[in-house]
C-alpha atoms as a PDB file:
ATOM      1  CA  MET A   1     -13.069  -6.651   3.971  1.00  0.00           C
ATOM      2  CA  ILE A   2     -12.422  -8.971   1.117  1.00  0.00           C
ATOM      3  CA  LEU A   3      -9.102  -7.743  -0.219  1.00  0.00           C
ATOM      4  CA  ALA A   4      -6.049  -9.809  -0.974  1.00  0.00           C
ATOM      5  CA  HIS A   5      -3.219  -9.747   1.534  1.00  0.00           C
ATOM      6  CA  ASP A   6      -0.855  -7.972  -0.881  1.00  0.00           C
ATOM      7  CA  THR A   7      -3.506  -5.311  -1.512  1.00  0.00           C
ATOM      8  CA  GLU A   8      -3.864  -4.650   2.213  1.00  0.00           C
ATOM      9  CA  GLU A   9      -0.092  -4.454   2.623  1.00  0.00           C
ATOM     10  CA  SER A  10       0.201  -1.986  -0.278  1.00  0.00           C
ATOM     11  CA  LEU A  11      -2.550   0.174   1.199  1.00  0.00           C
ATOM     12  CA  ARG A  12      -0.881   0.202   4.628  1.00  0.00           C
ATOM     13  CA  ALA A  13       2.418   1.147   3.024  1.00  0.00           C
ATOM     14  CA  ALA A  14       0.740   3.905   0.992  1.00  0.00           C
ATOM     15  CA  ALA A  15      -0.818   5.384   4.137  1.00  0.00           C
ATOM     16  CA  ALA A  16       2.503   5.158   5.991  1.00  0.00           C
ATOM     17  CA  LEU A  17       4.279   6.874   3.115  1.00  0.00           C
ATOM     18  CA  VAL A  18       1.736   9.692   2.976  1.00  0.00           C
ATOM     19  CA  ASN A  19       1.946  10.113   6.750  1.00  0.00           C
ATOM     20  CA  THR A  20       5.615  11.073   6.426  1.00  0.00           C
ATOM     21  CA  LEU A  21       4.525  14.418   4.938  1.00  0.00           C
ATOM     22  CA  PRO A  22       5.108  17.297   7.386  1.00  0.00           C
ATOM     23  CA  ALA A  23       1.412  18.252   7.496  1.00  0.00           C
ATOM     24  CA  LEU A  24       0.411  14.687   8.405  1.00  0.00           C
ATOM     25  CA  SER A  25       3.315  13.422  10.499  1.00  0.00           C
ATOM     26  CA  THR A  26       3.053  13.315  14.273  1.00  0.00           C
ATOM     27  CA  SER A  27       6.255  15.325  14.597  1.00  0.00           C
ATOM     28  CA  GLY A  28       5.182  18.060  12.195  1.00  0.00           C
ATOM     29  CA  TYR A  29       8.415  17.492  10.273  1.00  0.00           C
ATOM     30  CA  ASP A  30       9.141  15.644   7.055  1.00  0.00           C
ATOM     31  CA  GLU A  31       9.708  12.096   8.250  1.00  0.00           C
ATOM     32  CA  LEU A  32      11.183  10.983   4.922  1.00  0.00           C
ATOM     33  CA  SER A  33      14.036  13.411   4.521  1.00  0.00           C
ATOM     34  CA  THR A  34      17.066  11.153   4.778  1.00  0.00           C
ATOM     35  CA  ARG A  35      18.189   7.868   3.307  1.00  0.00           C
ATOM     36  CA  ALA A  36      17.995   6.417   6.828  1.00  0.00           C
ATOM     37  CA  ASP A  37      14.302   7.393   6.889  1.00  0.00           C
ATOM     38  CA  LEU A  38      13.819   5.556   3.592  1.00  0.00           C
ATOM     39  CA  ASP A  39      15.626   2.510   5.008  1.00  0.00           C
ATOM     40  CA  ARG A  40      13.252   2.520   8.007  1.00  0.00           C
ATOM     41  CA  PHE A  41      10.281   2.722   5.646  1.00  0.00           C
ATOM     42  CA  LEU A  42      11.641  -0.227   3.644  1.00  0.00           C
ATOM     43  CA  THR A  43      12.190  -2.228   6.829  1.00  0.00           C
ATOM     44  CA  SER A  44       8.570  -1.652   7.868  1.00  0.00           C
ATOM     45  CA  HIS A  45       7.003  -2.216   4.448  1.00  0.00           C
ATOM     46  CA  ARG A  46       8.160  -5.073   2.267  1.00  0.00           C
ATOM     47  CA  TYR A  47       8.765  -4.330  -1.381  1.00  0.00           C
ATOM     48  CA  SER A  48      10.489  -6.755  -3.683  1.00  0.00           C
ATOM     49  CA  GLY A  49      13.105  -5.798  -6.219  1.00  0.00           C
ATOM     50  CA  THR A  50      16.191  -3.670  -6.171  1.00  0.00           C
ATOM     51  CA  PHE A  51      16.928  -0.613  -4.047  1.00  0.00           C
ATOM     52  CA  THR A  52      19.768   1.760  -4.708  1.00  0.00           C
ATOM     53  CA  GLY A  53      19.500   3.778  -1.513  1.00  0.00           C
ATOM     54  CA  THR A  54      20.629   6.867  -3.386  1.00  0.00           C
ATOM     55  CA  ARG A  55      19.521  10.426  -2.759  1.00  0.00           C
ATOM     56  CA  GLY A  56      17.778  10.314  -6.161  1.00  0.00           C
ATOM     57  CA  GLU A  57      15.732   7.285  -5.132  1.00  0.00           C
ATOM     58  CA  LEU A  58      14.776   9.036  -1.900  1.00  0.00           C
ATOM     59  CA  GLU A  59      13.685  12.156  -3.788  1.00  0.00           C
ATOM     60  CA  ALA A  60      11.637  10.126  -6.265  1.00  0.00           C
ATOM     61  CA  VAL A  61       9.770   8.398  -3.413  1.00  0.00           C
ATOM     62  CA  ARG A  62       9.214  11.708  -1.614  1.00  0.00           C
ATOM     63  CA  GLU A  63       7.657  13.152  -4.781  1.00  0.00           C
ATOM     64  CA  LEU A  64       5.052  10.355  -4.794  1.00  0.00           C
ATOM     65  CA  ARG A  65       3.476  11.369  -1.500  1.00  0.00           C
ATOM     66  CA  PRO A  66       1.189  14.197  -2.708  1.00  0.00           C
ATOM     67  CA  GLU A  67      -0.017  12.055  -5.599  1.00  0.00           C
ATOM     68  CA  ILE A  68      -0.837   9.102  -3.345  1.00  0.00           C
ATOM     69  CA  LEU A  69      -2.484  11.408  -0.782  1.00  0.00           C
ATOM     70  CA  GLN A  70      -5.033  12.293  -3.456  1.00  0.00           C
ATOM     71  CA  PHE A  71      -6.670   8.885  -2.978  1.00  0.00           C
ATOM     72  CA  TRP A  72      -7.783  10.041   0.471  1.00  0.00           C
ATOM     73  CA  MET A  73      -9.104  13.311  -0.969  1.00  0.00           C
ATOM     74  CA  LEU A  74     -10.916  12.000  -4.045  1.00  0.00           C
ATOM     75  CA  ASP A  75     -14.104  10.021  -4.337  1.00  0.00           C
ATOM     76  CA  ASN A  76     -14.279   6.584  -5.903  1.00  0.00           C
ATOM     77  CA  ASP A  77     -14.936   7.785  -9.466  1.00  0.00           C
ATOM     78  CA  ALA A  78     -12.219  10.442  -9.438  1.00  0.00           C
ATOM     79  CA  SER A  79      -9.774   7.862  -8.091  1.00  0.00           C
ATOM     80  CA  VAL A  80     -10.270   5.838 -11.265  1.00  0.00           C
ATOM     81  CA  ASP A  81      -8.700   8.617 -13.342  1.00  0.00           C
ATOM     82  CA  LEU A  82      -5.741   8.819 -10.969  1.00  0.00           C
ATOM     83  CA  VAL A  83      -5.211   5.036 -11.033  1.00  0.00           C
ATOM     84  CA  ASN A  84      -5.356   4.931 -14.821  1.00  0.00           C
ATOM     85  CA  THR A  85      -2.911   7.830 -15.114  1.00  0.00           C
ATOM     86  CA  MET A  86      -0.461   6.216 -12.693  1.00  0.00           C
ATOM     87  CA  LEU A  87      -0.555   2.881 -14.490  1.00  0.00           C
ATOM     88  CA  ARG A  88      -0.341   4.406 -17.956  1.00  0.00           C
ATOM     89  CA  GLN A  89       2.647   6.595 -17.074  1.00  0.00           C
ATOM     90  CA  ALA A  90       4.471   3.627 -15.558  1.00  0.00           C
ATOM     91  CA  ARG A  91       3.617   1.429 -18.541  1.00  0.00           C
ATOM     92  CA  ALA A  92       2.321  -1.167 -16.105  1.00  0.00           C
ATOM     93  CA  LEU A  93       1.944  -4.709 -17.325  1.00  0.00           C
ATOM     94  CA  PRO A  94       0.197  -6.907 -14.711  1.00  0.00           C
ATOM     95  CA  GLN A  95       1.628 -10.362 -14.171  1.00  0.00           C
ATOM     96  CA  LEU A  96       1.271 -13.095 -11.561  1.00  0.00           C
ATOM     97  CA  VAL A  97       4.341 -13.749  -9.405  1.00  0.00           C
ATOM     98  CA  ARG A  98       5.429 -15.717  -6.354  1.00  0.00           C
ATOM     99  CA  HIS A  99       8.338 -14.637  -4.192  1.00  0.00           C
ATOM    100  CA  ASP A 100       9.632 -14.323  -0.642  1.00  0.00           C
ATOM    101  CA  GLY A 101       7.105 -16.784   0.784  1.00  0.00           C
ATOM    102  CA  TRP A 102       4.120 -15.004  -0.747  1.00  0.00           C
ATOM    103  CA  ASP A 103       1.745 -17.072  -2.830  1.00  0.00           C
ATOM    104  CA  TRP A 104       0.506 -15.892  -6.230  1.00  0.00           C
ATOM    105  CA  HIS A 105      -0.146 -12.172  -6.415  1.00  0.00           C
ATOM    106  CA  LEU A 106       0.002  -9.376  -8.964  1.00  0.00           C
ATOM    107  CA  HIS A 107       2.967  -7.234  -9.861  1.00  0.00           C
ATOM    108  CA  ALA A 108       2.766  -4.750 -12.685  1.00  0.00           C
ATOM    109  CA  THR A 109       6.405  -3.715 -12.966  1.00  0.00           C
ATOM    110  CA  GLU A 110       9.674  -5.543 -13.304  1.00  0.00           C
ATOM    111  CA  SER A 111      11.663  -6.104 -10.115  1.00  0.00           C
ATOM    112  CA  ASP A 112      14.471  -3.919 -11.477  1.00  0.00           C
ATOM    113  CA  ALA A 113      12.154  -0.945 -12.151  1.00  0.00           C
ATOM    114  CA  PRO A 114      13.003   2.131 -10.063  1.00  0.00           C
ATOM    115  CA  PHE A 115      11.704   1.800  -6.515  1.00  0.00           C
ATOM    116  CA  ALA A 116       9.456   4.857  -6.786  1.00  0.00           C
ATOM    117  CA  THR A 117       7.844   3.350  -9.889  1.00  0.00           C
ATOM    118  CA  ARG A 118       7.198   0.090  -8.050  1.00  0.00           C
ATOM    119  CA  VAL A 119       5.632   1.941  -5.098  1.00  0.00           C
ATOM    120  CA  ARG A 120       3.471   4.016  -7.430  1.00  0.00           C
ATOM    121  CA  VAL A 121       2.254   1.024  -9.412  1.00  0.00           C
ATOM    122  CA  GLU A 122       1.657  -1.195  -6.370  1.00  0.00           C
ATOM    123  CA  THR A 123      -0.413   1.583  -4.811  1.00  0.00           C
ATOM    124  CA  ALA A 124      -2.407   1.992  -8.023  1.00  0.00           C
ATOM    125  CA  MET A 125      -2.957  -1.768  -8.259  1.00  0.00           C
ATOM    126  CA  ALA A 126      -4.183  -1.864  -4.650  1.00  0.00           C
ATOM    127  CA  MET A 127      -6.555   0.999  -5.391  1.00  0.00           C
ATOM    128  CA  ILE A 128      -7.978  -1.012  -8.290  1.00  0.00           C
ATOM    129  CA  ASP A 129      -9.132  -3.605  -5.757  1.00  0.00           C
ATOM    130  CA  VAL A 130     -10.535  -0.905  -3.459  1.00  0.00           C
ATOM    131  CA  ILE A 131     -12.463   0.698  -6.314  1.00  0.00           C
ATOM    132  CA  ARG A 132     -13.769  -2.592  -7.696  1.00  0.00           C
ATOM    133  CA  ALA A 133     -14.908  -3.680  -4.228  1.00  0.00           C
ATOM    134  CA  ASP A 134     -16.547  -0.243  -3.722  1.00  0.00           C
ATOM    135  CA  GLU A 135     -14.580   0.169  -0.497  1.00  0.00           C
ATOM    136  CA  HIS A 136     -13.178   3.664  -1.037  1.00  0.00           C
ATOM    137  CA  SER A 137     -14.863   4.800   2.182  1.00  0.00           C
ATOM    138  CA  ARG A 138     -12.253   2.758   4.057  1.00  0.00           C
ATOM    139  CA  LEU A 139      -9.608   5.339   3.190  1.00  0.00           C
ATOM    140  CA  ARG A 140      -9.928   7.657   6.157  1.00  0.00           C
ATOM    141  CA  MET A 141      -8.464  10.633   7.944  1.00  0.00           C
ATOM    142  CA  CYS A 142      -7.809  10.341  11.686  1.00  0.00           C
ATOM    143  CA  ALA A 143     -10.768  11.560  13.771  1.00  0.00           C
ATOM    144  CA  SER A 144      -8.526  13.102  16.414  1.00  0.00           C
ATOM    145  CA  ASP A 145      -8.751  16.898  16.511  1.00  0.00           C
ATOM    146  CA  ASP A 146      -4.980  17.274  16.648  1.00  0.00           C
ATOM    147  CA  CYS A 147      -4.022  14.719  13.980  1.00  0.00           C
ATOM    148  CA  ASN A 148      -4.183  14.812  10.189  1.00  0.00           C
ATOM    149  CA  ALA A 149      -2.841  11.321   9.478  1.00  0.00           C
ATOM    150  CA  VAL A 150      -4.473   9.008   6.969  1.00  0.00           C
ATOM    151  CA  PHE A 151      -5.169   5.311   7.386  1.00  0.00           C
ATOM    152  CA  ILE A 152      -6.965   2.407   5.789  1.00  0.00           C
ATOM    153  CA  ASP A 153      -9.798   0.973   7.858  1.00  0.00           C
ATOM    154  CA  LEU A 154      -9.467  -2.781   7.520  1.00  0.00           C
ATOM    155  CA  SER A 155     -11.802  -3.524  10.425  1.00  0.00           C
ATOM    156  CA  ARG A 156     -14.602  -5.941   9.737  1.00  0.00           C
ATOM    157  CA  ASN A 157     -17.346  -3.502  10.733  1.00  0.00           C
ATOM    158  CA  ARG A 158     -15.778  -0.368   9.214  1.00  0.00           C
ATOM    159  CA  SER A 159     -15.570   1.294  12.621  1.00  0.00           C
ATOM    160  CA  LYS A 160     -11.947   2.398  12.902  1.00  0.00           C
ATOM    161  CA  ARG A 161     -11.752   6.147  13.547  1.00  0.00           C
ATOM    162  CA  TYR A 162      -8.169   6.787  14.585  1.00  0.00           C
ATOM    163  CA  CYS A 163      -4.781   6.288  12.953  1.00  0.00           C
ATOM    164  CA  ASP A 164      -2.002   4.130  14.327  1.00  0.00           C
ATOM    165  CA  VAL A 165       0.596   6.848  13.948  1.00  0.00           C
ATOM    166  CA  GLY A 166       0.283   8.855  17.156  1.00  0.00           C
ATOM    167  CA  ASN A 167      -1.707   6.662  19.559  1.00  0.00           C
ATOM    168  CA  CYS A 168      -4.721   8.835  18.772  1.00  0.00           C
ATOM    169  CA  GLY A 169      -7.235   6.140  19.623  1.00  0.00           C
ATOM    170  CA  ASN A 170      -5.606   5.507  22.979  1.00  0.00           C
ATOM    171  CA  ARG A 171      -5.548   9.200  23.794  1.00  0.00           C
ATOM    172  CA  ALA A 172      -9.219   9.590  22.816  1.00  0.00           C
ATOM    173  CA  HIS A 173     -10.261   6.611  24.930  1.00  0.00           C
ATOM    174  CA  VAL A 174      -8.317   7.883  27.960  1.00  0.00           C
ATOM    175  CA  ALA A 175      -9.834  11.358  27.563  1.00  0.00           C
ATOM    176  CA  ALA A 176     -13.337   9.870  27.308  1.00  0.00           C
ATOM    177  CA  TYR A 177     -12.714   7.729  30.381  1.00  0.00           C
ATOM    178  CA  ARG A 178     -11.481  10.727  32.367  1.00  0.00           C
ATOM    179  CA  ALA A 179     -14.488  12.769  31.264  1.00  0.00           C
ATOM    180  CA  ARG A 180     -16.811   9.999  32.440  1.00  0.00           C
ATOM    181  CA  GLN A 181     -14.980   9.855  35.748  1.00  0.00           C
ATOM    182  CA  ARG A 182     -15.342  13.611  36.237  1.00  0.00           C
ATOM    183  CA  GLY A 183     -19.050  13.285  35.458  1.00  0.00           C
ATOM    184  CA  ASP A 184     -19.436  10.499  38.014  1.00  0.00           C
ATOM    185  CA  ASP A 185     -17.799  12.587  40.761  1.00  0.00           C
ATOM    186  CA  ARG A 186     -20.259  15.470  40.447  1.00  0.00           C
END
């Protein structure tokens, strides 16, 4: 896939954020319910700028999840409306920046903008690249029968079927192996 590194990172973070929703999480619980959960998310997914760590910041990020999940539910054309709405509401102003060892890349908010705004805009900016590259089909739902997680398929041949959240691919491969073994024994 020909997407910039920062785009791929934003898409991974968006999928991880959405997968904290109770209906998509491996635990079945809201995995972004405490400030410690938000700290873990921030440790796993690099965002520049300021973080307050307040309950209000946590709530604002939690409220983004259903909106971002829509990208996995909508087609390419419908995603355009969502992207434009997100950018317009955040009053995004794209600009080239360098920071934290990253070479030139786009930001569309100031580093002191609220964290939820930065997440929202970075996700929208990443989706711009996905839409322009006509790669919306890479936004996928896990193929495992007992998992609802979302992921971004960044494989070269577009063949990824399982999320990375609950070892679904491993479980499917083990089950297939065991089924083949049972078939060989008969």
